[in-house]
C-alpha atoms as a PDB file:
ATOM      1  CA  MET A   1      -9.441  27.778  12.401  1.00  0.00           C
ATOM      2  CA  ASP A   2      -5.714  27.059  12.130  1.00  0.00           C
ATOM      3  CA  GLU A   3      -4.495  26.590   8.599  1.00  0.00           C
ATOM      4  CA  ILE A   4      -3.678  23.274   6.943  1.00  0.00           C
ATOM      5  CA  GLN A   5      -0.964  23.328   4.284  1.00  0.00           C
ATOM      6  CA  VAL A   6      -0.742  20.914   1.375  1.00  0.00           C
ATOM      7  CA  ILE A   7       2.709  20.169  -0.022  1.00  0.00           C
ATOM      8  CA  MET A   8       3.132  17.852  -2.968  1.00  0.00           C
ATOM      9  CA  GLU A   9       5.701  16.341  -5.258  1.00  0.00           C
ATOM     10  CA  THR A  10       5.001  14.477  -8.481  1.00  0.00           C
ATOM     11  CA  SER A  11       7.200  11.515  -9.307  1.00  0.00           C
ATOM     12  CA  SER A  12       5.561  10.984 -12.665  1.00  0.00           C
ATOM     13  CA  LEU A  13       2.978  12.843 -14.692  1.00  0.00           C
ATOM     14  CA  GLY A  14       0.183  10.425 -13.937  1.00  0.00           C
ATOM     15  CA  GLU A  15      -3.069  11.204 -15.692  1.00  0.00           C
ATOM     16  CA  GLU A  16      -5.387   9.188 -13.465  1.00  0.00           C
ATOM     17  CA  THR A  17      -7.039  11.065 -10.621  1.00  0.00           C
ATOM     18  CA  VAL A  18      -6.649   8.988  -7.467  1.00  0.00           C
ATOM     19  CA  LEU A  19      -8.428  11.330  -5.043  1.00  0.00           C
ATOM     20  CA  GLU A  20     -10.763  14.241  -5.608  1.00  0.00           C
ATOM     21  CA  VAL A  21     -12.286  16.215  -2.752  1.00  0.00           C
ATOM     22  CA  LYS A  22     -14.867  18.840  -3.742  1.00  0.00           C
ATOM     23  CA  ASP A  23     -16.258  21.593  -1.500  1.00  0.00           C
ATOM     24  CA  LEU A  24     -16.015  19.339   1.563  1.00  0.00           C
ATOM     25  CA  SER A  25     -17.407  20.575   4.890  1.00  0.00           C
ATOM     26  CA  VAL A  26     -17.415  18.391   8.009  1.00  0.00           C
ATOM     27  CA  THR A  27     -18.868  19.054  11.458  1.00  0.00           C
ATOM     28  CA  ARG A  28     -17.790  17.176  14.602  1.00  0.00           C
ATOM     29  CA  SER A  29     -19.587  17.537  17.953  1.00  0.00           C
ATOM     30  CA  GLY A  30     -21.491  20.505  16.589  1.00  0.00           C
ATOM     31  CA  LYS A  31     -18.324  22.344  15.512  1.00  0.00           C
ATOM     32  CA  LEU A  32     -17.414  23.093  11.913  1.00  0.00           C
ATOM     33  CA  VAL A  33     -13.943  21.550  11.491  1.00  0.00           C
ATOM     34  CA  LEU A  34     -13.537  21.577   7.708  1.00  0.00           C
ATOM     35  CA  LYS A  35     -15.097  24.131   5.375  1.00  0.00           C
ATOM     36  CA  ASP A  36     -15.158  24.029   1.561  1.00  0.00           C
ATOM     37  CA  ILE A  37     -12.051  21.863   1.170  1.00  0.00           C
ATOM     38  CA  ASN A  38     -10.898  21.048  -2.382  1.00  0.00           C
ATOM     39  CA  LEU A  39      -8.045  18.666  -3.153  1.00  0.00           C
ATOM     40  CA  LYS A  40      -6.997  16.590  -6.148  1.00  0.00           C
ATOM     41  CA  ILE A  41      -4.230  13.967  -6.138  1.00  0.00           C
ATOM     42  CA  LYS A  42      -3.043  12.121  -9.233  1.00  0.00           C
ATOM     43  CA  THR A  43      -1.117   8.897  -9.704  1.00  0.00           C
ATOM     44  CA  GLY A  44       2.497   9.063  -8.507  1.00  0.00           C
ATOM     45  CA  GLU A  45       2.136  12.127  -6.290  1.00  0.00           C
ATOM     46  CA  PHE A  46       3.466  12.334  -2.737  1.00  0.00           C
ATOM     47  CA  VAL A  47       1.281  14.799  -0.834  1.00  0.00           C
ATOM     48  CA  GLY A  48       2.003  16.111   2.636  1.00  0.00           C
ATOM     49  CA  LEU A  49      -0.857  17.498   4.719  1.00  0.00           C
ATOM     50  CA  VAL A  50       0.661  19.773   7.363  1.00  0.00           C
ATOM     51  CA  GLY A  51      -0.851  21.740  10.215  1.00  0.00           C
ATOM     52  CA  PRO A  52      -0.892  22.180  13.999  1.00  0.00           C
ATOM     53  CA  ASN A  53      -2.900  19.988  16.345  1.00  0.00           C
ATOM     54  CA  GLY A  54      -6.610  20.697  16.046  1.00  0.00           C
ATOM     55  CA  SER A  55      -6.433  22.083  12.514  1.00  0.00           C
ATOM     56  CA  GLY A  56      -8.491  19.242  11.023  1.00  0.00           C
ATOM     57  CA  LYS A  57      -5.848  16.991   9.437  1.00  0.00           C
ATOM     58  CA  SER A  58      -7.130  13.738  10.911  1.00  0.00           C
ATOM     59  CA  THR A  59     -10.729  14.797  10.283  1.00  0.00           C
ATOM     60  CA  LEU A  60      -9.925  15.211   6.603  1.00  0.00           C
ATOM     61  CA  MET A  61      -8.253  11.787   6.467  1.00  0.00           C
ATOM     62  CA  LEU A  62     -11.201  10.095   8.179  1.00  0.00           C
ATOM     63  CA  SER A  63     -13.579  11.857   5.795  1.00  0.00           C
ATOM     64  CA  ILE A  64     -11.559  10.618   2.813  1.00  0.00           C
ATOM     65  CA  LEU A  65     -11.770   7.082   4.195  1.00  0.00           C
ATOM     66  CA  GLY A  66     -15.520   7.418   4.709  1.00  0.00           C
ATOM     67  CA  VAL A  67     -15.387   7.030   8.497  1.00  0.00           C
ATOM     68  CA  LEU A  68     -16.781  10.554   8.919  1.00  0.00           C
ATOM     69  CA  LYS A  69     -19.676  11.798   6.805  1.00  0.00           C
ATOM     70  CA  ALA A  70     -19.641  15.179   5.108  1.00  0.00           C
ATOM     71  CA  GLN A  71     -22.258  17.841   5.747  1.00  0.00           C
ATOM     72  CA  LYS A  72     -21.519  19.194   2.286  1.00  0.00           C
ATOM     73  CA  GLY A  73     -19.390  18.250  -0.698  1.00  0.00           C
ATOM     74  CA  SER A  74     -18.014  14.947  -1.939  1.00  0.00           C
ATOM     75  CA  VAL A  75     -15.032  12.598  -1.891  1.00  0.00           C
ATOM     76  CA  SER A  76     -14.090  10.350  -4.812  1.00  0.00           C
ATOM     77  CA  ILE A  77     -11.302   7.735  -4.822  1.00  0.00           C
ATOM     78  CA  TYR A  78     -10.512   6.182  -8.199  1.00  0.00           C
ATOM     79  CA  GLY A  79     -13.911   7.463  -9.296  1.00  0.00           C
ATOM     80  CA  SER A  80     -15.804   5.731  -6.469  1.00  0.00           C
ATOM     81  CA  PRO A  81     -17.158   6.981  -3.131  1.00  0.00           C
ATOM     82  CA  PRO A  82     -15.337   6.019   0.090  1.00  0.00           C
ATOM     83  CA  MET A  83     -16.138   2.524   1.430  1.00  0.00           C
ATOM     84  CA  SER A  84     -17.064   1.297  -2.059  1.00  0.00           C
ATOM     85  CA  ARG A  85     -16.399  -2.400  -2.694  1.00  0.00           C
ATOM     86  CA  LYS A  86     -14.491  -1.323  -5.795  1.00  0.00           C
ATOM     87  CA  LEU A  87     -11.818   0.145  -3.502  1.00  0.00           C
ATOM     88  CA  ILE A  88     -11.101  -3.056  -1.534  1.00  0.00           C
ATOM     89  CA  GLY A  89      -7.367  -3.710  -1.739  1.00  0.00           C
ATOM     90  CA  LYS A  90      -6.593  -0.381  -3.409  1.00  0.00           C
ATOM     91  CA  ILE A  91      -6.152   1.692  -0.230  1.00  0.00           C
ATOM     92  CA  GLY A  92      -3.564   1.175   2.486  1.00  0.00           C
ATOM     93  CA  TRP A  93      -4.318   3.011   5.761  1.00  0.00           C
ATOM     94  CA  VAL A  94      -1.753   3.537   8.540  1.00  0.00           C
ATOM     95  CA  SER A  95      -3.320   5.264  11.555  1.00  0.00           C
ATOM     96  CA  GLN A  96      -1.564   7.098  14.391  1.00  0.00           C
ATOM     97  CA  ALA A  97      -2.136   4.174  16.747  1.00  0.00           C
ATOM     98  CA  ALA A  98      -1.167   1.424  14.283  1.00  0.00           C
ATOM     99  CA  ALA A  99       2.395   1.040  15.582  1.00  0.00           C
ATOM    100  CA  ASN A 100       1.442   1.301  19.275  1.00  0.00           C
ATOM    101  CA  LEU A 101       0.607  -2.351  19.830  1.00  0.00           C
ATOM    102  CA  LYS A 102       0.259  -3.392  23.469  1.00  0.00           C
ATOM    103  CA  LYS A 103       3.266  -5.319  24.757  1.00  0.00           C
ATOM    104  CA  GLU A 104       1.117  -8.271  25.809  1.00  0.00           C
ATOM    105  CA  ILE A 105       0.083  -8.816  22.186  1.00  0.00           C
ATOM    106  CA  ARG A 106       2.440 -11.454  20.787  1.00  0.00           C
ATOM    107  CA  ILE A 107       2.710 -11.184  17.030  1.00  0.00           C
ATOM    108  CA  THR A 108       5.697 -11.384  14.708  1.00  0.00           C
ATOM    109  CA  VAL A 109       6.443  -9.006  11.854  1.00  0.00           C
ATOM    110  CA  GLU A 110       5.490 -11.679   9.334  1.00  0.00           C
ATOM    111  CA  GLU A 111       2.169 -12.387  11.081  1.00  0.00           C
ATOM    112  CA  LEU A 112       1.350  -8.673  11.283  1.00  0.00           C
ATOM    113  CA  VAL A 113       2.115  -8.125   7.605  1.00  0.00           C
ATOM    114  CA  LYS A 114       0.087 -11.204   6.641  1.00  0.00           C
ATOM    115  CA  LEU A 115      -3.003  -9.546   8.156  1.00  0.00           C
ATOM    116  CA  GLY A 116      -2.719  -6.952   5.392  1.00  0.00           C
ATOM    117  CA  THR A 117      -3.350  -9.597   2.733  1.00  0.00           C
ATOM    118  CA  LEU A 118      -6.854 -10.336   4.008  1.00  0.00           C
ATOM    119  CA  ASN A 119      -9.921  -8.433   2.903  1.00  0.00           C
ATOM    120  CA  ALA A 120     -13.640  -8.975   2.358  1.00  0.00           C
ATOM    121  CA  LYS A 121     -13.060 -10.317  -1.142  1.00  0.00           C
ATOM    122  CA  ASN A 122     -10.399 -12.922  -0.456  1.00  0.00           C
ATOM    123  CA  MET A 123     -10.635 -13.849   3.226  1.00  0.00           C
ATOM    124  CA  PHE A 124     -11.564 -17.459   2.491  1.00  0.00           C
ATOM    125  CA  PHE A 125     -10.217 -17.925  -1.021  1.00  0.00           C
ATOM    126  CA  ARG A 126      -6.787 -16.316  -1.390  1.00  0.00           C
ATOM    127  CA  SER A 127      -4.113 -18.831  -2.405  1.00  0.00           C
ATOM    128  CA  ARG A 128      -1.292 -19.440   0.055  1.00  0.00           C
ATOM    129  CA  LYS A 129       1.296 -18.925  -2.699  1.00  0.00           C
ATOM    130  CA  GLU A 130      -0.146 -15.527  -3.618  1.00  0.00           C
ATOM    131  CA  GLN A 131      -0.371 -14.531   0.052  1.00  0.00           C
ATOM    132  CA  ASN A 132       3.226 -15.563   0.787  1.00  0.00           C
ATOM    133  CA  TYR A 133       4.484 -13.608  -2.214  1.00  0.00           C
ATOM    134  CA  ALA A 134       2.637 -10.458  -1.084  1.00  0.00           C
ATOM    135  CA  VAL A 135       4.043 -10.787   2.455  1.00  0.00           C
ATOM    136  CA  ASP A 136       7.604 -11.462   1.289  1.00  0.00           C
ATOM    137  CA  ASN A 137       7.488  -8.536  -1.135  1.00  0.00           C
ATOM    138  CA  ALA A 138       6.106  -6.104   1.461  1.00  0.00           C
ATOM    139  CA  ILE A 139       8.731  -7.086   4.050  1.00  0.00           C
ATOM    140  CA  ARG A 140      11.463  -6.669   1.438  1.00  0.00           C
ATOM    141  CA  MET A 141      10.181  -3.237   0.414  1.00  0.00           C
ATOM    142  CA  VAL A 142      10.450  -1.938   3.988  1.00  0.00           C
ATOM    143  CA  ASP A 143      13.808  -3.661   4.590  1.00  0.00           C
ATOM    144  CA  LEU A 144      12.731  -5.829   7.523  1.00  0.00           C
ATOM    145  CA  GLU A 145      13.840  -9.240   6.210  1.00  0.00           C
ATOM    146  CA  ASP A 146      16.103  -9.768   9.228  1.00  0.00           C
ATOM    147  CA  CYS A 147      13.198  -9.073  11.598  1.00  0.00           C
ATOM    148  CA  ARG A 148      10.417 -11.086   9.984  1.00  0.00           C
ATOM    149  CA  ASN A 149      10.257 -13.593  12.866  1.00  0.00           C
ATOM    150  CA  THR A 150      10.802 -10.973  15.581  1.00  0.00           C
ATOM    151  CA  ASP A 151       8.012  -9.986  17.965  1.00  0.00           C
ATOM    152  CA  VAL A 152       6.695  -6.555  16.988  1.00  0.00           C
ATOM    153  CA  SER A 153       6.898  -5.459  20.634  1.00  0.00           C
ATOM    154  CA  LYS A 154      10.688  -5.899  20.503  1.00  0.00           C
ATOM    155  CA  LEU A 155      11.179  -3.609  17.517  1.00  0.00           C
ATOM    156  CA  SER A 156      12.297   0.011  17.704  1.00  0.00           C
ATOM    157  CA  GLY A 157       9.742   2.743  17.015  1.00  0.00           C
ATOM    158  CA  GLY A 158      11.005   3.210  13.470  1.00  0.00           C
ATOM    159  CA  GLN A 159      10.919  -0.525  12.776  1.00  0.00           C
ATOM    160  CA  ARG A 160       7.337  -0.770  14.055  1.00  0.00           C
ATOM    161  CA  GLN A 161       6.327   2.011  11.695  1.00  0.00           C
ATOM    162  CA  ARG A 162       7.953   0.094   8.835  1.00  0.00           C
ATOM    163  CA  ALA A 163       6.107  -3.056   9.874  1.00  0.00           C
ATOM    164  CA  VAL A 164       2.673  -1.405   9.822  1.00  0.00           C
ATOM    165  CA  ILE A 165       3.496   0.210   6.462  1.00  0.00           C
ATOM    166  CA  ALA A 166       4.430  -3.271   5.207  1.00  0.00           C
ATOM    167  CA  ARG A 167       1.016  -4.494   6.352  1.00  0.00           C
ATOM    168  CA  ALA A 168      -0.582  -1.801   4.190  1.00  0.00           C
ATOM    169  CA  LEU A 169       1.676  -2.687   1.255  1.00  0.00           C
ATOM    170  CA  ALA A 170       0.835  -6.393   1.543  1.00  0.00           C
ATOM    171  CA  SER A 171      -2.694  -5.571   0.411  1.00  0.00           C
ATOM    172  CA  ASN A 172      -1.092  -4.453  -2.873  1.00  0.00           C
ATOM    173  CA  ALA A 173      -2.568  -1.010  -2.263  1.00  0.00           C
ATOM    174  CA  ASP A 174      -1.690   1.697  -4.782  1.00  0.00           C
ATOM    175  CA  PHE A 175      -2.887   4.600  -2.605  1.00  0.00           C
ATOM    176  CA  ILE A 176      -1.321   4.800   0.868  1.00  0.00           C
ATOM    177  CA  LEU A 177      -2.587   7.150   3.575  1.00  0.00           C
ATOM    178  CA  LEU A 178      -0.539   7.756   6.718  1.00  0.00           C
ATOM    179  CA  ASP A 179      -1.587   9.734   9.797  1.00  0.00           C
ATOM    180  CA  GLU A 180       1.418  11.106  11.759  1.00  0.00           C
ATOM    181  CA  PRO A 181       3.820   8.183  11.075  1.00  0.00           C
ATOM    182  CA  LEU A 182       6.808  10.220  12.348  1.00  0.00           C
ATOM    183  CA  VAL A 183       5.549  10.644  15.927  1.00  0.00           C
ATOM    184  CA  GLY A 184       7.613   8.943  18.623  1.00  0.00           C
ATOM    185  CA  ILE A 185      10.629   7.975  16.510  1.00  0.00           C
ATOM    186  CA  ASP A 186      14.139   9.445  16.604  1.00  0.00           C
ATOM    187  CA  ARG A 187      15.759  11.521  13.852  1.00  0.00           C
ATOM    188  CA  ASN A 188      17.623   8.634  12.224  1.00  0.00           C
ATOM    189  CA  ALA A 189      14.487   6.490  12.114  1.00  0.00           C
ATOM    190  CA  ARG A 190      12.505   9.450  10.792  1.00  0.00           C
ATOM    191  CA  ASN A 191      14.969  10.055   7.952  1.00  0.00           C
ATOM    192  CA  SER A 192      15.020   6.352   7.126  1.00  0.00           C
ATOM    193  CA  LEU A 193      11.226   6.214   7.054  1.00  0.00           C
ATOM    194  CA  LEU A 194      10.995   9.297   4.833  1.00  0.00           C
ATOM    195  CA  LYS A 195      13.468   7.721   2.424  1.00  0.00           C
ATOM    196  CA  LEU A 196      11.367   4.546   2.363  1.00  0.00           C
ATOM    197  CA  LEU A 197       8.220   6.506   1.525  1.00  0.00           C
ATOM    198  CA  ASP A 198      10.064   8.444  -1.161  1.00  0.00           C
ATOM    199  CA  ASN A 199      11.216   5.154  -2.716  1.00  0.00           C
ATOM    200  CA  LEU A 200       7.680   3.744  -2.596  1.00  0.00           C
ATOM    201  CA  CYS A 201       6.509   6.761  -4.558  1.00  0.00           C
ATOM    202  CA  HIS A 202       9.345   6.987  -7.100  1.00  0.00           C
ATOM    203  CA  GLU A 203      10.354   3.345  -7.526  1.00  0.00           C
ATOM    204  CA  GLU A 204       7.166   1.418  -6.751  1.00  0.00           C
ATOM    205  CA  GLY A 205       4.689   3.869  -8.282  1.00  0.00           C
ATOM    206  CA  LYS A 206       2.631   4.309  -5.117  1.00  0.00           C
ATOM    207  CA  THR A 207       0.537   7.426  -4.489  1.00  0.00           C
ATOM    208  CA  ILE A 208       0.956   8.750  -0.932  1.00  0.00           C
ATOM    209  CA  LEU A 209      -0.978  11.135   1.300  1.00  0.00           C
ATOM    210  CA  MET A 210       0.771  11.736   4.622  1.00  0.00           C
ATOM    211  CA  VAL A 211      -0.431  13.821   7.573  1.00  0.00           C
ATOM    212  CA  SER A 212       2.112  15.478   9.850  1.00  0.00           C
ATOM    213  CA  HIS A 213       2.547  18.506  12.090  1.00  0.00           C
ATOM    214  CA  ASP A 214       6.283  18.496  11.240  1.00  0.00           C
ATOM    215  CA  LEU A 215       6.711  20.877   8.316  1.00  0.00           C
ATOM    216  CA  ALA A 216      10.487  20.409   8.092  1.00  0.00           C
ATOM    217  CA  ALA A 217      10.213  16.635   7.860  1.00  0.00           C
ATOM    218  CA  ILE A 218       7.485  16.769   5.219  1.00  0.00           C
ATOM    219  CA  ARG A 219       9.542  19.121   3.072  1.00  0.00           C
ATOM    220  CA  GLN A 220      12.268  16.491   2.851  1.00  0.00           C
ATOM    221  CA  THR A 221      10.009  14.244   0.834  1.00  0.00           C
ATOM    222  CA  ALA A 222       6.702  15.745  -0.262  1.00  0.00           C
END
């Protein structure tokens, strides 16, 4: 099994444990992918999960989210198991495919980000004023004000990544998980995105767990 590395930086000495993984083992298609994994992340930490393709990075993320079930061990997020109703709105998830919207899908940046404000608790009852504030704030945080009415399909790769991160931020999530957000974007966009994530951690108090196979890029931030 190829090795996964965990690199972390603490922006503040947060006492609250956001994520705790204990003795986690996960099997996929009859193959043991993760064995006895332990990980603890506290408030304000930026953690980079680094490893080659096939080393189990995405499997660990999906196990944390509760999409994959563990054969052994446990996962706790803010003291609750994955998929708990108590976690609605607290977790922002940006998958590998999130920015790869099909060109025939017509949706503006603002409309995409607005989707992040909806969840099982507020789908029919959230006030328009509260929703608009969350959308405006998320777009500002990722510096896409000039593109808010632009079709997502017309954005650059780096801008699309910012847009899907804004969608996660619009939920007011405190814990943001990103799976390979640097894939398919050029060096300038990558550096800009890493700076954004660093600011979210240090200035906005977000806790971040980011998966990448790019060790050099992760070391810039995490």
